[in-house]
């Protein structure tokens, strides 16, 4: 029977299975990039990073299964979707390349080329920064149940403008969280040079924000008024 405890449980278990499978694929892919670039498995920063990411992501993911399965389903969809603007698909190419390629560069810098000499205390501080970024991102998603990974208006889910939580400070908090995440990643992996990816990503995020705001202003009632009230798009007090 529709909506019965049994059907809900089955849907929940299917979502958990999808979450676990995607975690295995994504973190396996990240491990190949990190240790392949480092050319060694004896890379403490790489294991520290993957260990923290797996633990936090699975913990928050399992919690999301219970509190907002609709959003988790959206977050588990691919980076290319049917209703996504072509411009968004195109700008995602350099963004994903820089994020994953940058991760490989950070690993090579720290463990293979040894250009960066970073104290362990800074790497542990990076763990804290990484945790802060993920907690901030999770707070954003708990505030906005429509925080899909691609630019689109979710009419089928009754999308509305969100003005509370981090959205009362900045219009696109997920991108801000991503910048902090990349900075934390660079520190955990032990690469000073990797921090150079942060301003480049900020520029690419700025382009994507322009694409997203065009869609939001056109397809979401009330967004124009919200944008007039909340000045900052990406980084508070800067832009």
C-alpha atoms as a PDB file:
ATOM      1  CA  UNK A   1       0.000   0.000   0.000  1.00  0.00           C
ATOM      2  CA  UNK A   2       1.306   3.443  -0.932  1.00  0.00           C
ATOM      3  CA  UNK A   3       2.818   5.271   1.991  1.00  0.00           C
ATOM      4  CA  UNK A   4       2.888   2.156   4.210  1.00  0.00           C
ATOM      5  CA  UNK A   5       5.761   1.655   6.697  1.00  0.00           C
ATOM      6  CA  UNK A   6       7.047  -1.219   4.547  1.00  0.00           C
ATOM      7  CA  UNK A   7       7.242   0.840   1.356  1.00  0.00           C
ATOM      8  CA  UNK A   8       8.882   3.726   3.220  1.00  0.00           C
ATOM      9  CA  UNK A   9      11.446   1.356   4.682  1.00  0.00           C
ATOM     10  CA  UNK A  10      12.175  -0.120   1.261  1.00  0.00           C
ATOM     11  CA  UNK A  11      12.625   3.372  -0.204  1.00  0.00           C
ATOM     12  CA  UNK A  12      14.917   4.285   2.684  1.00  0.00           C
ATOM     13  CA  UNK A  13      17.041   1.165   2.216  1.00  0.00           C
ATOM     14  CA  UNK A  14      17.278   1.837  -1.524  1.00  0.00           C
ATOM     15  CA  UNK A  15      18.462   5.370  -0.822  1.00  0.00           C
ATOM     16  CA  UNK A  16      21.054   4.102   1.678  1.00  0.00           C
ATOM     17  CA  UNK A  17      22.314   1.575  -0.873  1.00  0.00           C
ATOM     18  CA  UNK A  18      22.625   4.311  -3.491  1.00  0.00           C
ATOM     19  CA  UNK A  19      24.479   6.499  -0.975  1.00  0.00           C
ATOM     20  CA  UNK A  20      26.932   3.728  -0.076  1.00  0.00           C
ATOM     21  CA  UNK A  21      27.588   2.764  -3.699  1.00  0.00           C
ATOM     22  CA  UNK A  22      28.211   6.360  -4.724  1.00  0.00           C
ATOM     23  CA  UNK A  23      30.491   6.856  -1.713  1.00  0.00           C
ATOM     24  CA  UNK A  24      32.544   3.825  -2.764  1.00  0.00           C
ATOM     25  CA  UNK A  25      32.813   5.077  -6.348  1.00  0.00           C
ATOM     26  CA  UNK A  26      33.572   8.730  -5.530  1.00  0.00           C
ATOM     27  CA  UNK A  27      36.029   8.106  -2.718  1.00  0.00           C
ATOM     28  CA  UNK A  28      37.655   5.298  -4.681  1.00  0.00           C
ATOM     29  CA  UNK A  29      38.062   7.732  -7.578  1.00  0.00           C
ATOM     30  CA  UNK A  30      39.496  10.370  -5.241  1.00  0.00           C
ATOM     31  CA  UNK A  31      41.884   7.806  -3.774  1.00  0.00           C
ATOM     32  CA  UNK A  32      43.165   6.899  -7.237  1.00  0.00           C
ATOM     33  CA  UNK A  33      43.750  10.585  -8.003  1.00  0.00           C
ATOM     34  CA  UNK A  34      45.490  11.336  -4.702  1.00  0.00           C
ATOM     35  CA  UNK A  35      47.735   8.291  -4.410  1.00  0.00           C
ATOM     36  CA  UNK A  36      48.280   8.059  -8.154  1.00  0.00           C
ATOM     37  CA  UNK A  37      49.578  11.631  -8.191  1.00  0.00           C
ATOM     38  CA  UNK A  38      51.623  11.044  -5.030  1.00  0.00           C
ATOM     39  CA  UNK A  39      53.012   7.799  -6.501  1.00  0.00           C
ATOM     40  CA  UNK A  40      53.082   6.257  -3.064  1.00  0.00           C
ATOM     41  CA  UNK A  41      50.651   4.796  -0.561  1.00  0.00           C
ATOM     42  CA  UNK A  42      52.846   6.068   2.280  1.00  0.00           C
ATOM     43  CA  UNK A  43      51.191   9.459   2.244  1.00  0.00           C
ATOM     44  CA  UNK A  44      49.741  10.352   5.630  1.00  0.00           C
ATOM     45  CA  UNK A  45      47.986  13.480   4.361  1.00  0.00           C
ATOM     46  CA  UNK A  46      46.134  11.462   1.737  1.00  0.00           C
ATOM     47  CA  UNK A  47      44.893   8.898   4.253  1.00  0.00           C
ATOM     48  CA  UNK A  48      43.980  11.613   6.732  1.00  0.00           C
ATOM     49  CA  UNK A  49      41.941  13.445   4.105  1.00  0.00           C
ATOM     50  CA  UNK A  50      40.109  10.372   2.810  1.00  0.00           C
ATOM     51  CA  UNK A  51      39.445   9.085   6.322  1.00  0.00           C
ATOM     52  CA  UNK A  52      37.884  12.355   7.439  1.00  0.00           C
ATOM     53  CA  UNK A  53      35.854  12.734   4.257  1.00  0.00           C
ATOM     54  CA  UNK A  54      34.472   9.184   4.326  1.00  0.00           C
ATOM     55  CA  UNK A  55      33.511   9.368   8.002  1.00  0.00           C
ATOM     56  CA  UNK A  56      31.803  12.764   7.829  1.00  0.00           C
ATOM     57  CA  UNK A  57      30.107  12.207   4.473  1.00  0.00           C
ATOM     58  CA  UNK A  58      28.624   8.844   5.436  1.00  0.00           C
ATOM     59  CA  UNK A  59      27.494  10.181   8.830  1.00  0.00           C
ATOM     60  CA  UNK A  60      25.769  13.235   7.361  1.00  0.00           C
ATOM     61  CA  UNK A  61      24.432  11.223   4.429  1.00  0.00           C
ATOM     62  CA  UNK A  62      22.770   8.660   6.689  1.00  0.00           C
ATOM     63  CA  UNK A  63      21.257  11.458   8.755  1.00  0.00           C
ATOM     64  CA  UNK A  64      19.928  13.069   5.575  1.00  0.00           C
ATOM     65  CA  UNK A  65      18.193   9.795   4.680  1.00  0.00           C
ATOM     66  CA  UNK A  66      16.018  10.297   7.735  1.00  0.00           C
ATOM     67  CA  UNK A  67      15.485  14.065   7.770  1.00  0.00           C
ATOM     68  CA  UNK A  68      15.341  15.018   4.063  1.00  0.00           C
ATOM     69  CA  UNK A  69      15.365  12.053   1.644  1.00  0.00           C
ATOM     70  CA  UNK A  70      14.047  14.235  -1.196  1.00  0.00           C
ATOM     71  CA  UNK A  71      17.101  16.472  -1.089  1.00  0.00           C
ATOM     72  CA  UNK A  72      19.465  13.514  -0.774  1.00  0.00           C
ATOM     73  CA  UNK A  73      17.952  12.016  -3.935  1.00  0.00           C
ATOM     74  CA  UNK A  74      18.668  15.304  -5.717  1.00  0.00           C
ATOM     75  CA  UNK A  75      22.229  15.469  -4.367  1.00  0.00           C
ATOM     76  CA  UNK A  76      22.939  11.920  -5.540  1.00  0.00           C
ATOM     77  CA  UNK A  77      22.005  12.726  -9.134  1.00  0.00           C
ATOM     78  CA  UNK A  78      24.757  13.313 -11.678  1.00  0.00           C
ATOM     79  CA  UNK A  79      26.336  16.669 -12.574  1.00  0.00           C
ATOM     80  CA  UNK A  80      24.589  16.620 -15.962  1.00  0.00           C
ATOM     81  CA  UNK A  81      20.776  16.547 -15.962  1.00  0.00           C
ATOM     82  CA  UNK A  82      17.899  16.931 -18.414  1.00  0.00           C
ATOM     83  CA  UNK A  83      16.546  20.341 -17.340  1.00  0.00           C
ATOM     84  CA  UNK A  84      19.978  21.870 -16.777  1.00  0.00           C
ATOM     85  CA  UNK A  85      20.940  24.899 -18.925  1.00  0.00           C
ATOM     86  CA  UNK A  86      23.679  24.232 -21.480  1.00  0.00           C
ATOM     87  CA  UNK A  87      25.743  27.074 -20.022  1.00  0.00           C
ATOM     88  CA  UNK A  88      25.760  25.342 -16.639  1.00  0.00           C
ATOM     89  CA  UNK A  89      26.893  22.057 -18.185  1.00  0.00           C
ATOM     90  CA  UNK A  90      29.758  23.869 -19.908  1.00  0.00           C
ATOM     91  CA  UNK A  91      30.972  25.803 -16.865  1.00  0.00           C
ATOM     92  CA  UNK A  92      30.951  22.608 -14.794  1.00  0.00           C
ATOM     93  CA  UNK A  93      33.713  21.168 -16.997  1.00  0.00           C
ATOM     94  CA  UNK A  94      36.497  23.506 -15.794  1.00  0.00           C
ATOM     95  CA  UNK A  95      35.070  23.514 -12.247  1.00  0.00           C
ATOM     96  CA  UNK A  96      35.222  19.723 -11.908  1.00  0.00           C
ATOM     97  CA  UNK A  97      38.567  19.563 -13.695  1.00  0.00           C
ATOM     98  CA  UNK A  98      40.052  22.121 -11.323  1.00  0.00           C
ATOM     99  CA  UNK A  99      38.604  20.488  -8.215  1.00  0.00           C
ATOM    100  CA  UNK A 100      39.783  16.962  -9.007  1.00  0.00           C
ATOM    101  CA  UNK A 101      42.864  17.948 -10.980  1.00  0.00           C
ATOM    102  CA  UNK A 102      43.763  20.366  -8.219  1.00  0.00           C
ATOM    103  CA  UNK A 103      43.498  17.544  -5.708  1.00  0.00           C
ATOM    104  CA  UNK A 104      46.007  15.541  -7.737  1.00  0.00           C
ATOM    105  CA  UNK A 105      48.317  18.556  -7.944  1.00  0.00           C
ATOM    106  CA  UNK A 106      48.135  19.021  -4.160  1.00  0.00           C
ATOM    107  CA  UNK A 107      49.066  15.384  -3.578  1.00  0.00           C
ATOM    108  CA  UNK A 108      51.942  15.512  -6.064  1.00  0.00           C
ATOM    109  CA  UNK A 109      53.201  18.759  -4.537  1.00  0.00           C
ATOM    110  CA  UNK A 110      53.224  17.420  -0.979  1.00  0.00           C
ATOM    111  CA  UNK A 111      54.253  13.774  -1.436  1.00  0.00           C
ATOM    112  CA  UNK A 112      56.123  13.569  -4.735  1.00  0.00           C
ATOM    113  CA  UNK A 113      57.709  16.897  -5.635  1.00  0.00           C
ATOM    114  CA  UNK A 114      58.017  18.154  -2.050  1.00  0.00           C
ATOM    115  CA  UNK A 115      57.611  21.783  -3.060  1.00  0.00           C
ATOM    116  CA  UNK A 116      55.582  22.484   0.073  1.00  0.00           C
ATOM    117  CA  UNK A 117      56.926  21.865   3.565  1.00  0.00           C
ATOM    118  CA  UNK A 118      53.916  22.079   5.851  1.00  0.00           C
ATOM    119  CA  UNK A 119      53.995  21.498   9.627  1.00  0.00           C
ATOM    120  CA  UNK A 120      51.688  18.705  10.851  1.00  0.00           C
ATOM    121  CA  UNK A 121      49.944  21.255  13.084  1.00  0.00           C
ATOM    122  CA  UNK A 122      48.804  23.148   9.974  1.00  0.00           C
ATOM    123  CA  UNK A 123      47.525  19.926   8.409  1.00  0.00           C
ATOM    124  CA  UNK A 124      45.517  19.186  11.550  1.00  0.00           C
ATOM    125  CA  UNK A 125      44.220  22.735  11.393  1.00  0.00           C
ATOM    126  CA  UNK A 126      43.173  21.929   7.832  1.00  0.00           C
ATOM    127  CA  UNK A 127      41.133  19.027   9.221  1.00  0.00           C
ATOM    128  CA  UNK A 128      39.280  21.525  11.371  1.00  0.00           C
ATOM    129  CA  UNK A 129      38.733  23.821   8.393  1.00  0.00           C
ATOM    130  CA  UNK A 130      37.487  20.888   6.321  1.00  0.00           C
ATOM    131  CA  UNK A 131      35.082  19.895   9.078  1.00  0.00           C
ATOM    132  CA  UNK A 132      33.831  23.485   9.362  1.00  0.00           C
ATOM    133  CA  UNK A 133      33.225  23.608   5.594  1.00  0.00           C
ATOM    134  CA  UNK A 134      31.247  20.365   5.615  1.00  0.00           C
ATOM    135  CA  UNK A 135      29.199  21.381   8.660  1.00  0.00           C
ATOM    136  CA  UNK A 136      28.440  24.726   7.003  1.00  0.00           C
ATOM    137  CA  UNK A 137      27.430  22.929   3.803  1.00  0.00           C
ATOM    138  CA  UNK A 138      25.204  20.569   5.755  1.00  0.00           C
ATOM    139  CA  UNK A 139      23.599  23.513   7.554  1.00  0.00           C
ATOM    140  CA  UNK A 140      22.929  25.077   4.159  1.00  0.00           C
ATOM    141  CA  UNK A 141      21.287  21.920   2.851  1.00  0.00           C
ATOM    142  CA  UNK A 142      19.182  21.516   5.984  1.00  0.00           C
ATOM    143  CA  UNK A 143      18.027  25.106   5.483  1.00  0.00           C
ATOM    144  CA  UNK A 144      17.372  24.713   1.763  1.00  0.00           C
ATOM    145  CA  UNK A 145      15.728  21.446   0.752  1.00  0.00           C
ATOM    146  CA  UNK A 146      16.040  22.520  -2.911  1.00  0.00           C
ATOM    147  CA  UNK A 147      19.862  22.728  -2.965  1.00  0.00           C
ATOM    148  CA  UNK A 148      20.325  20.609  -6.098  1.00  0.00           C
ATOM    149  CA  UNK A 149      23.819  20.042  -7.557  1.00  0.00           C
ATOM    150  CA  UNK A 150      22.833  21.633 -10.891  1.00  0.00           C
ATOM    151  CA  UNK A 151      21.078  24.814 -11.981  1.00  0.00           C
ATOM    152  CA  UNK A 152      17.349  24.110 -12.340  1.00  0.00           C
ATOM    153  CA  UNK A 153      13.982  25.163 -10.937  1.00  0.00           C
ATOM    154  CA  UNK A 154      12.335  22.261  -9.097  1.00  0.00           C
ATOM    155  CA  UNK A 155       8.685  22.990  -9.805  1.00  0.00           C
ATOM    156  CA  UNK A 156       7.725  19.374  -9.139  1.00  0.00           C
ATOM    157  CA  UNK A 157       8.995  19.758  -5.555  1.00  0.00           C
ATOM    158  CA  UNK A 158       7.375  23.158  -5.022  1.00  0.00           C
ATOM    159  CA  UNK A 159      10.617  25.128  -4.839  1.00  0.00           C
ATOM    160  CA  UNK A 160      10.442  28.462  -3.030  1.00  0.00           C
ATOM    161  CA  UNK A 161      12.950  31.196  -2.184  1.00  0.00           C
ATOM    162  CA  UNK A 162      14.910  30.438   0.988  1.00  0.00           C
ATOM    163  CA  UNK A 163      15.811  33.486   3.071  1.00  0.00           C
ATOM    164  CA  UNK A 164      16.830  32.036   6.442  1.00  0.00           C
ATOM    165  CA  UNK A 165      20.004  30.491   7.874  1.00  0.00           C
ATOM    166  CA  UNK A 166      23.100  31.138   5.743  1.00  0.00           C
ATOM    167  CA  UNK A 167      20.841  32.551   3.011  1.00  0.00           C
ATOM    168  CA  UNK A 168      20.223  35.550   5.254  1.00  0.00           C
ATOM    169  CA  UNK A 169      23.937  36.378   4.875  1.00  0.00           C
ATOM    170  CA  UNK A 170      24.916  35.349   1.352  1.00  0.00           C
ATOM    171  CA  UNK A 171      22.819  34.325  -1.647  1.00  0.00           C
ATOM    172  CA  UNK A 172      24.880  31.280  -2.640  1.00  0.00           C
ATOM    173  CA  UNK A 173      26.296  29.755   0.554  1.00  0.00           C
ATOM    174  CA  UNK A 174      27.052  26.355  -0.999  1.00  0.00           C
ATOM    175  CA  UNK A 175      29.712  27.955  -3.187  1.00  0.00           C
ATOM    176  CA  UNK A 176      31.201  29.751  -0.197  1.00  0.00           C
ATOM    177  CA  UNK A 177      31.346  26.429   1.641  1.00  0.00           C
ATOM    178  CA  UNK A 178      33.036  24.845  -1.381  1.00  0.00           C
ATOM    179  CA  UNK A 179      35.802  27.475  -1.321  1.00  0.00           C
ATOM    180  CA  UNK A 180      36.467  26.805   2.363  1.00  0.00           C
ATOM    181  CA  UNK A 181      36.389  23.070   1.605  1.00  0.00           C
ATOM    182  CA  UNK A 182      39.048  23.386  -1.106  1.00  0.00           C
ATOM    183  CA  UNK A 183      41.246  25.482   1.189  1.00  0.00           C
ATOM    184  CA  UNK A 184      40.900  22.834   3.901  1.00  0.00           C
ATOM    185  CA  UNK A 185      41.665  20.078   1.388  1.00  0.00           C
ATOM    186  CA  UNK A 186      44.884  21.815   0.368  1.00  0.00           C
ATOM    187  CA  UNK A 187      46.025  22.108   3.987  1.00  0.00           C
ATOM    188  CA  UNK A 188      45.133  18.525   4.941  1.00  0.00           C
ATOM    189  CA  UNK A 189      46.981  17.218   1.891  1.00  0.00           C
ATOM    190  CA  UNK A 190      49.966  19.395   2.839  1.00  0.00           C
ATOM    191  CA  UNK A 191      50.137  21.699  -0.184  1.00  0.00           C
ATOM    192  CA  UNK A 192      50.656  25.450   0.114  1.00  0.00           C
ATOM    193  CA  UNK A 193      50.555  25.754  -3.672  1.00  0.00           C
ATOM    194  CA  UNK A 194      47.150  24.092  -3.748  1.00  0.00           C
ATOM    195  CA  UNK A 195      45.651  27.183  -2.139  1.00  0.00           C
ATOM    196  CA  UNK A 196      46.073  28.901  -5.519  1.00  0.00           C
ATOM    197  CA  UNK A 197      43.070  26.915  -6.766  1.00  0.00           C
ATOM    198  CA  UNK A 198      40.753  28.802  -4.380  1.00  0.00           C
ATOM    199  CA  UNK A 199      40.695  32.198  -6.184  1.00  0.00           C
ATOM    200  CA  UNK A 200      40.463  30.468  -9.572  1.00  0.00           C
ATOM    201  CA  UNK A 201      37.465  28.474  -8.378  1.00  0.00           C
ATOM    202  CA  UNK A 202      35.942  31.654  -6.980  1.00  0.00           C
ATOM    203  CA  UNK A 203      36.055  33.174 -10.477  1.00  0.00           C
ATOM    204  CA  UNK A 204      34.437  30.071 -11.989  1.00  0.00           C
ATOM    205  CA  UNK A 205      31.800  30.046  -9.263  1.00  0.00           C
ATOM    206  CA  UNK A 206      31.120  33.688 -10.086  1.00  0.00           C
ATOM    207  CA  UNK A 207      30.359  32.683 -13.681  1.00  0.00           C
ATOM    208  CA  UNK A 208      28.096  29.869 -12.522  1.00  0.00           C
ATOM    209  CA  UNK A 209      26.311  32.159 -10.079  1.00  0.00           C
ATOM    210  CA  UNK A 210      25.467  34.444 -13.003  1.00  0.00           C
ATOM    211  CA  UNK A 211      23.906  31.490 -14.830  1.00  0.00           C
ATOM    212  CA  UNK A 212      22.034  30.383 -11.726  1.00  0.00           C
ATOM    213  CA  UNK A 213      20.722  33.832 -10.874  1.00  0.00           C
ATOM    214  CA  UNK A 214      19.367  34.262 -14.387  1.00  0.00           C
ATOM    215  CA  UNK A 215      17.370  31.044 -13.960  1.00  0.00           C
ATOM    216  CA  UNK A 216      16.215  31.978 -10.456  1.00  0.00           C
ATOM    217  CA  UNK A 217      15.105  35.488 -11.409  1.00  0.00           C
ATOM    218  CA  UNK A 218      13.159  34.106 -14.374  1.00  0.00           C
ATOM    219  CA  UNK A 219      11.626  31.003 -12.824  1.00  0.00           C
ATOM    220  CA  UNK A 220      11.304  31.578  -9.085  1.00  0.00           C
ATOM    221  CA  UNK A 221       8.778  34.038  -7.664  1.00  0.00           C
ATOM    222  CA  UNK A 222      10.223  36.370  -5.061  1.00  0.00           C
ATOM    223  CA  UNK A 223      13.883  35.921  -5.950  1.00  0.00           C
ATOM    224  CA  UNK A 224      14.260  39.478  -7.272  1.00  0.00           C
ATOM    225  CA  UNK A 225      13.087  40.898  -3.944  1.00  0.00           C
ATOM    226  CA  UNK A 226      15.392  38.546  -2.053  1.00  0.00           C
ATOM    227  CA  UNK A 227      18.374  39.555  -4.212  1.00  0.00           C
ATOM    228  CA  UNK A 228      17.694  43.213  -3.510  1.00  0.00           C
ATOM    229  CA  UNK A 229      17.717  42.572   0.242  1.00  0.00           C
ATOM    230  CA  UNK A 230      20.770  40.293   0.380  1.00  0.00           C
ATOM    231  CA  UNK A 231      23.658  42.101  -1.268  1.00  0.00           C
ATOM    232  CA  UNK A 232      26.437  39.510  -1.117  1.00  0.00           C
ATOM    233  CA  UNK A 233      26.432  36.692  -3.663  1.00  0.00           C
ATOM    234  CA  UNK A 234      29.433  34.525  -2.751  1.00  0.00           C
ATOM    235  CA  UNK A 235      31.695  35.990  -0.052  1.00  0.00           C
ATOM    236  CA  UNK A 236      30.273  38.285   2.649  1.00  0.00           C
ATOM    237  CA  UNK A 237      31.624  41.860   2.531  1.00  0.00           C
ATOM    238  CA  UNK A 238      33.507  41.133  -0.726  1.00  0.00           C
ATOM    239  CA  UNK A 239      31.081  40.062  -3.491  1.00  0.00           C
END
